[in-house]
Every structure is written in structure tokens, then in C-alpha cells.
């Protein structure tokens, strides 16, 4: 095993990441995305734990045609869902980091990320095999 690797730090890092994921799950469930149309006469909310959860139409919006009102309702709902998506992506970036999120949102190179992960895995596997071999020799097997 690499003498520079601190097993306690590895465990601490893993526990920290698990806490971050749990925190993300709680935060995302409580998120509310908001959208509006017709100068705020039509509003919508989307919740992280329930999807589209509310549409409010001010009585003054009834003066518009049914087609315009329908389109405004759709725009408000789409705005709420987009706002919720944006909040979710920001929270995910805090947990996963910029490199992973860049690969997810298409601005980064997922191939590079996969190659780096494979390299880290291979290094860990090699270190594990070295440790097993050393233990085998110490045990006289």
C-alpha cells in the first residue's frame, strides 16, 4: 500500500461524501422552482419532492384568450421546472465537484473523467494486490 495513503483519511473522506449526498437529498426535496408568465398573472411552482405542485391564475388573466392563457400557463410551468432543474444542478455541483458536473452538463470531457477514474481504480487495485502479496509472504504462504 502506498505509504502516503492514510486509511483514516480515506474513511473520513468517504463518510464526508456520504453526508454530502444525504444533505443533497434533503435539500433537493425541499427545493421549490418558480415560474411566471403574463407579467406575473400566471405563476407556477415545482417542488423537488413532488414535481409541478401549484399553478395560480390571477382573475385578471381571464381577460386574455383561452389560447394565450393556455400558453402562459405552459410557460409558467416550464419556467418553474427549469428553475428547479437549475437549483438541483447547483446543489449537485457542490456535492460532485466541477469536473463531474462539467461532464454531466456537456461542457467537459467525460472521456477524460472516465480515464482518470480508471487510472485511480487501477492504482488502488495494484496497491491492494501488493498488500495481499506482502501479507501472504509474511504469513509464509
Protein backbone atom coordinates (compact mmCIF):
# COMPACT_ATOMS: atom_id res chain seq x y z
CA UNK A 1 0.00 0.00 0.00
CA UNK A 2 1.19 3.49 -0.76
CA UNK A 3 2.77 4.85 2.44
CA UNK A 4 1.33 8.27 1.55
CA UNK A 5 -2.23 6.89 1.74
CA UNK A 6 -3.83 7.47 5.12
CA UNK A 7 -6.59 4.87 5.70
CA UNK A 8 -8.22 7.08 8.34
CA UNK A 9 -8.39 9.94 5.85
CA UNK A 10 -9.93 7.63 3.23
CA UNK A 11 -12.66 6.62 5.68
CA UNK A 12 -13.16 10.22 6.75
CA UNK A 13 -13.48 11.33 3.10
CA UNK A 14 -15.97 8.55 2.33
CA UNK A 15 -18.09 9.49 5.36
CA UNK A 16 -17.95 13.17 4.39
CA UNK A 17 -19.14 12.34 0.87
CA UNK A 18 -21.99 10.22 2.25
CA UNK A 19 -23.07 13.12 4.47
CA UNK A 20 -22.95 15.44 1.46
CA UNK A 21 -25.16 13.09 -0.55
CA UNK A 22 -27.65 12.84 2.33
CA UNK A 23 -27.64 16.63 2.65
CA UNK A 24 -28.21 16.96 -1.10
CA UNK A 25 -31.19 14.60 -0.91
CA UNK A 26 -32.76 16.64 1.90
CA UNK A 27 -32.07 19.93 0.14
CA UNK A 28 -33.37 18.76 -3.23
CA UNK A 29 -36.61 17.51 -1.67
CA UNK A 30 -37.18 20.97 -0.17
CA UNK A 31 -36.34 22.93 -3.32
CA UNK A 32 -39.06 24.98 -4.98
CA UNK A 33 -38.73 26.20 -8.56
CA UNK A 34 -40.84 29.16 -9.61
CA UNK A 35 -42.01 30.40 -12.97
CA UNK A 36 -44.36 33.07 -14.19
CA UNK A 37 -45.99 34.45 -17.31
CA UNK A 38 -48.32 37.28 -18.32
CA UNK A 39 -46.41 39.73 -16.12
CA UNK A 40 -46.90 37.55 -13.05
CA UNK A 41 -50.61 36.91 -13.55
CA UNK A 42 -49.88 33.22 -14.07
CA UNK A 43 -47.44 31.56 -11.67
CA UNK A 44 -46.28 28.01 -11.15
CA UNK A 45 -44.24 26.10 -8.59
CA UNK A 46 -42.36 22.84 -8.94
CA UNK A 47 -41.13 21.01 -5.85
CA UNK A 48 -38.13 18.75 -5.63
CA UNK A 49 -40.17 16.09 -3.89
CA UNK A 50 -43.37 16.38 -5.94
CA UNK A 51 -42.74 17.88 -9.38
CA UNK A 52 -45.19 20.51 -10.60
CA UNK A 53 -47.15 21.35 -7.46
CA UNK A 54 -49.02 24.59 -8.00
CA UNK A 55 -50.40 26.80 -10.74
CA UNK A 56 -52.05 30.09 -9.83
CA UNK A 57 -54.03 32.18 -12.28
CA UNK A 58 -54.90 35.70 -11.23
CA UNK A 59 -58.51 36.57 -12.18
CA UNK A 60 -57.21 39.43 -14.35
CA UNK A 61 -55.56 36.81 -16.59
CA UNK A 62 -59.04 35.64 -17.61
CA UNK A 63 -59.28 38.68 -19.87
CA UNK A 64 -56.85 37.03 -22.27
CA UNK A 65 -57.90 34.48 -24.87
CA UNK A 66 -58.06 30.85 -23.82
CA UNK A 67 -55.17 30.04 -26.16
CA UNK A 68 -52.98 32.81 -24.72
CA UNK A 69 -53.90 31.73 -21.19
CA UNK A 70 -53.01 28.12 -22.00
CA UNK A 71 -49.66 29.16 -23.49
CA UNK A 72 -48.94 31.38 -20.48
CA UNK A 73 -49.74 28.52 -18.12
CA UNK A 74 -47.37 26.27 -20.04
CA UNK A 75 -44.60 28.92 -19.97
CA UNK A 76 -45.02 29.40 -16.21
CA UNK A 77 -44.87 25.64 -15.62
CA UNK A 78 -41.81 25.27 -17.85
CA UNK A 79 -40.15 28.17 -16.03
CA UNK A 80 -40.80 26.55 -12.66
CA UNK A 81 -39.37 23.23 -13.82
CA UNK A 82 -36.32 24.96 -15.33
CA UNK A 83 -35.74 26.92 -12.12
CA UNK A 84 -35.95 23.68 -10.12
CA UNK A 85 -33.51 22.00 -12.54
CA UNK A 86 -31.06 24.91 -12.18
CA UNK A 87 -31.21 24.74 -8.38
CA UNK A 88 -30.70 20.98 -8.47
CA UNK A 89 -27.67 21.28 -10.76
CA UNK A 90 -26.12 23.91 -8.47
CA UNK A 91 -26.59 21.67 -5.44
CA UNK A 92 -25.18 18.68 -7.34
CA UNK A 93 -22.11 20.73 -8.30
CA UNK A 94 -21.43 21.32 -4.59
CA UNK A 95 -21.51 17.56 -3.94
CA UNK A 96 -19.90 16.16 -7.09
CA UNK A 97 -17.49 18.95 -7.96
CA UNK A 98 -16.89 20.92 -11.13
CA UNK A 99 -15.20 18.15 -13.14
CA UNK A 100 -18.06 15.67 -12.80
CA UNK A 101 -20.70 18.33 -13.41
CA UNK A 102 -18.86 19.57 -16.50
CA UNK A 103 -19.07 16.04 -17.88
CA UNK A 104 -22.77 15.84 -16.94
CA UNK A 105 -23.76 19.18 -18.46
CA UNK A 106 -21.72 18.67 -21.61
CA UNK A 107 -19.11 21.36 -21.05
CA UNK A 108 -16.37 18.93 -20.01
CA UNK A 109 -14.74 15.83 -21.43
CA UNK A 110 -16.42 12.73 -19.99
CA UNK A 111 -13.75 10.54 -21.62
CA UNK A 112 -11.04 12.29 -19.63
CA UNK A 113 -13.04 11.88 -16.43
CA UNK A 114 -13.55 8.16 -17.08
CA UNK A 115 -9.85 7.70 -17.92
CA UNK A 116 -8.84 9.40 -14.67
CA UNK A 117 -11.27 7.23 -12.69
CA UNK A 118 -9.94 4.09 -14.38
CA UNK A 119 -6.38 5.13 -13.58
CA UNK A 120 -7.25 5.74 -9.90
CA UNK A 121 -9.04 2.39 -9.75
CA UNK A 122 -6.09 0.60 -11.33
CA UNK A 123 -3.68 2.23 -8.89
CA UNK A 124 -5.90 1.18 -5.97
CA UNK A 125 -6.18 -2.36 -7.32
CA UNK A 126 -2.41 -2.58 -7.79
CA UNK A 127 -1.84 -1.34 -4.23
CA UNK A 128 -4.34 -3.87 -2.89
CA UNK A 129 -2.58 -6.70 -4.74
CA UNK A 130 0.80 -5.56 -3.40
CA UNK A 131 -0.61 -5.54 0.14
CA UNK A 132 -2.11 -9.01 -0.28
CA UNK A 133 1.18 -10.34 -1.65
CA UNK A 134 3.12 -8.81 1.24
CA UNK A 135 0.67 -10.32 3.76
CA UNK A 136 0.92 -13.69 2.01
CA UNK A 137 4.71 -13.62 2.28
CA UNK A 138 4.61 -12.53 5.90
CA UNK A 139 2.23 -15.36 6.69
CA UNK A 140 4.53 -17.88 4.99
CA UNK A 141 2.04 -18.93 2.31
